[in-house]
């Protein structure tokens, strides 16, 4: 079954976006145009890919699915090669030895007043 393709102007889409979304949820594809030229297409995520007949679970690629998948802190740290701190020295971020961080903070606060 072919899906409905609806062509509307940007103005029509802006005036009745809720209606546009209702039509998309019903399975239509909405082409938004400016001066009779398409500028955007809105369609539901998922469904059937008309080009090859395969089921499409979401609009995300496999890489995107992995990115948005829920991971534990341990899994993220392992994937990024991050190791836990063993002391507080690493928190200074490599502050130059000759610089006084307290003076820097005080100067920063004074400059904001």
Protein backbone atom coordinates (compact mmCIF):
# COMPACT_ATOMS: atom_id res chain seq x y z
CA UNK A 1 0.00 0.00 0.00
CA UNK A 2 1.46 3.36 -1.05
CA UNK A 3 1.61 6.04 1.62
CA UNK A 4 -0.05 9.40 1.18
CA UNK A 5 2.34 12.18 0.18
CA UNK A 6 1.09 15.61 1.14
CA UNK A 7 2.66 18.81 -0.20
CA UNK A 8 2.15 21.94 1.91
CA UNK A 9 3.74 25.37 2.21
CA UNK A 10 5.94 26.48 5.10
CA UNK A 11 3.15 28.81 6.18
CA UNK A 12 0.57 26.01 6.24
CA UNK A 13 2.95 23.82 8.23
CA UNK A 14 3.59 26.58 10.74
CA UNK A 15 -0.11 27.36 11.14
CA UNK A 16 -1.15 23.75 11.78
CA UNK A 17 1.90 21.79 12.89
CA UNK A 18 -0.23 19.66 15.21
CA UNK A 19 -2.35 18.69 12.22
CA UNK A 20 0.78 17.90 10.18
CA UNK A 21 2.03 15.63 12.95
CA UNK A 22 -1.34 13.90 13.17
CA UNK A 23 -1.18 13.08 9.46
CA UNK A 24 2.41 11.79 9.87
CA UNK A 25 1.33 9.54 12.73
CA UNK A 26 -1.41 8.22 10.46
CA UNK A 27 1.27 7.20 7.95
CA UNK A 28 1.45 10.14 5.57
CA UNK A 29 4.65 11.74 4.36
CA UNK A 30 4.53 15.54 4.41
CA UNK A 31 6.67 17.57 2.03
CA UNK A 32 7.06 21.18 3.16
CA UNK A 33 7.72 23.59 0.30
CA UNK A 34 8.75 27.20 -0.23
CA UNK A 35 8.01 28.70 -3.62
CA UNK A 36 6.98 25.23 -4.85
CA UNK A 37 10.43 23.84 -3.98
CA UNK A 38 10.72 21.12 -1.30
CA UNK A 39 12.68 22.20 1.78
CA UNK A 40 11.79 19.44 4.27
CA UNK A 41 10.12 16.06 4.49
CA UNK A 42 8.43 14.77 7.61
CA UNK A 43 7.66 11.08 7.94
CA UNK A 44 7.16 8.62 10.76
CA UNK A 45 10.18 6.80 12.13
CA UNK A 46 9.98 3.07 11.51
CA UNK A 47 7.66 1.14 9.27
CA UNK A 48 8.49 -0.41 5.91
CA UNK A 49 11.23 0.77 3.58
CA UNK A 50 9.46 1.03 0.22
CA UNK A 51 12.71 0.72 -1.75
CA UNK A 52 13.60 -2.79 -0.65
CA UNK A 53 10.64 -3.99 1.44
CA UNK A 54 12.62 -4.44 4.66
CA UNK A 55 11.36 -3.48 8.07
CA UNK A 56 12.89 -0.36 9.54
CA UNK A 57 12.86 -0.36 13.33
CA UNK A 58 13.96 3.24 13.80
CA UNK A 59 15.54 6.05 11.88
CA UNK A 60 18.86 5.41 13.62
CA UNK A 61 21.83 3.64 12.11
CA UNK A 62 23.54 0.81 13.99
CA UNK A 63 26.26 3.23 15.09
CA UNK A 64 23.67 5.68 16.39
CA UNK A 65 21.87 2.92 18.27
CA UNK A 66 25.14 2.01 20.00
CA UNK A 67 25.70 5.67 20.88
CA UNK A 68 22.29 6.06 22.50
CA UNK A 69 22.33 2.65 24.20
CA UNK A 70 22.44 2.71 27.97
CA UNK A 71 25.91 1.91 29.26
CA UNK A 72 27.30 1.68 32.77
CA UNK A 73 30.04 4.05 33.92
CA UNK A 74 32.44 1.12 33.90
CA UNK A 75 31.58 0.25 30.28
CA UNK A 76 32.00 3.88 29.21
CA UNK A 77 35.33 4.20 31.02
CA UNK A 78 36.60 0.99 29.44
CA UNK A 79 35.49 2.09 25.96
CA UNK A 80 37.19 5.48 26.38
CA UNK A 81 40.34 4.17 28.06
CA UNK A 82 39.69 6.22 31.19
CA UNK A 83 41.09 5.03 34.50
CA UNK A 84 40.03 6.06 38.01
CA UNK A 85 42.07 8.71 39.80
CA UNK A 86 44.42 7.44 42.46
CA UNK A 87 44.87 10.84 44.12
CA UNK A 88 43.76 14.46 44.00
CA UNK A 89 46.86 15.71 42.15
CA UNK A 90 45.24 14.90 38.81
CA UNK A 91 42.32 17.23 39.54
CA UNK A 92 44.42 20.38 39.19
CA UNK A 93 44.54 19.77 35.46
CA UNK A 94 48.24 20.37 35.10
CA UNK A 95 48.20 23.82 36.69
CA UNK A 96 51.60 25.49 36.14
CA UNK A 97 53.87 25.01 39.17
CA UNK A 98 54.85 28.70 39.34
CA UNK A 99 51.26 29.93 39.41
CA UNK A 100 49.21 30.32 42.57
CA UNK A 101 45.72 28.98 41.92
CA UNK A 102 44.26 30.87 44.89
CA UNK A 103 45.48 34.19 43.45
CA UNK A 104 44.01 33.25 40.07
CA UNK A 105 40.62 32.47 41.61
CA UNK A 106 40.62 35.72 43.62
CA UNK A 107 41.55 37.75 40.53
CA UNK A 108 38.83 36.01 38.54
CA UNK A 109 36.17 36.84 41.15
CA UNK A 110 37.32 40.46 41.39
CA UNK A 111 37.19 40.92 37.63
CA UNK A 112 33.56 39.76 37.59
CA UNK A 113 32.40 42.49 39.97
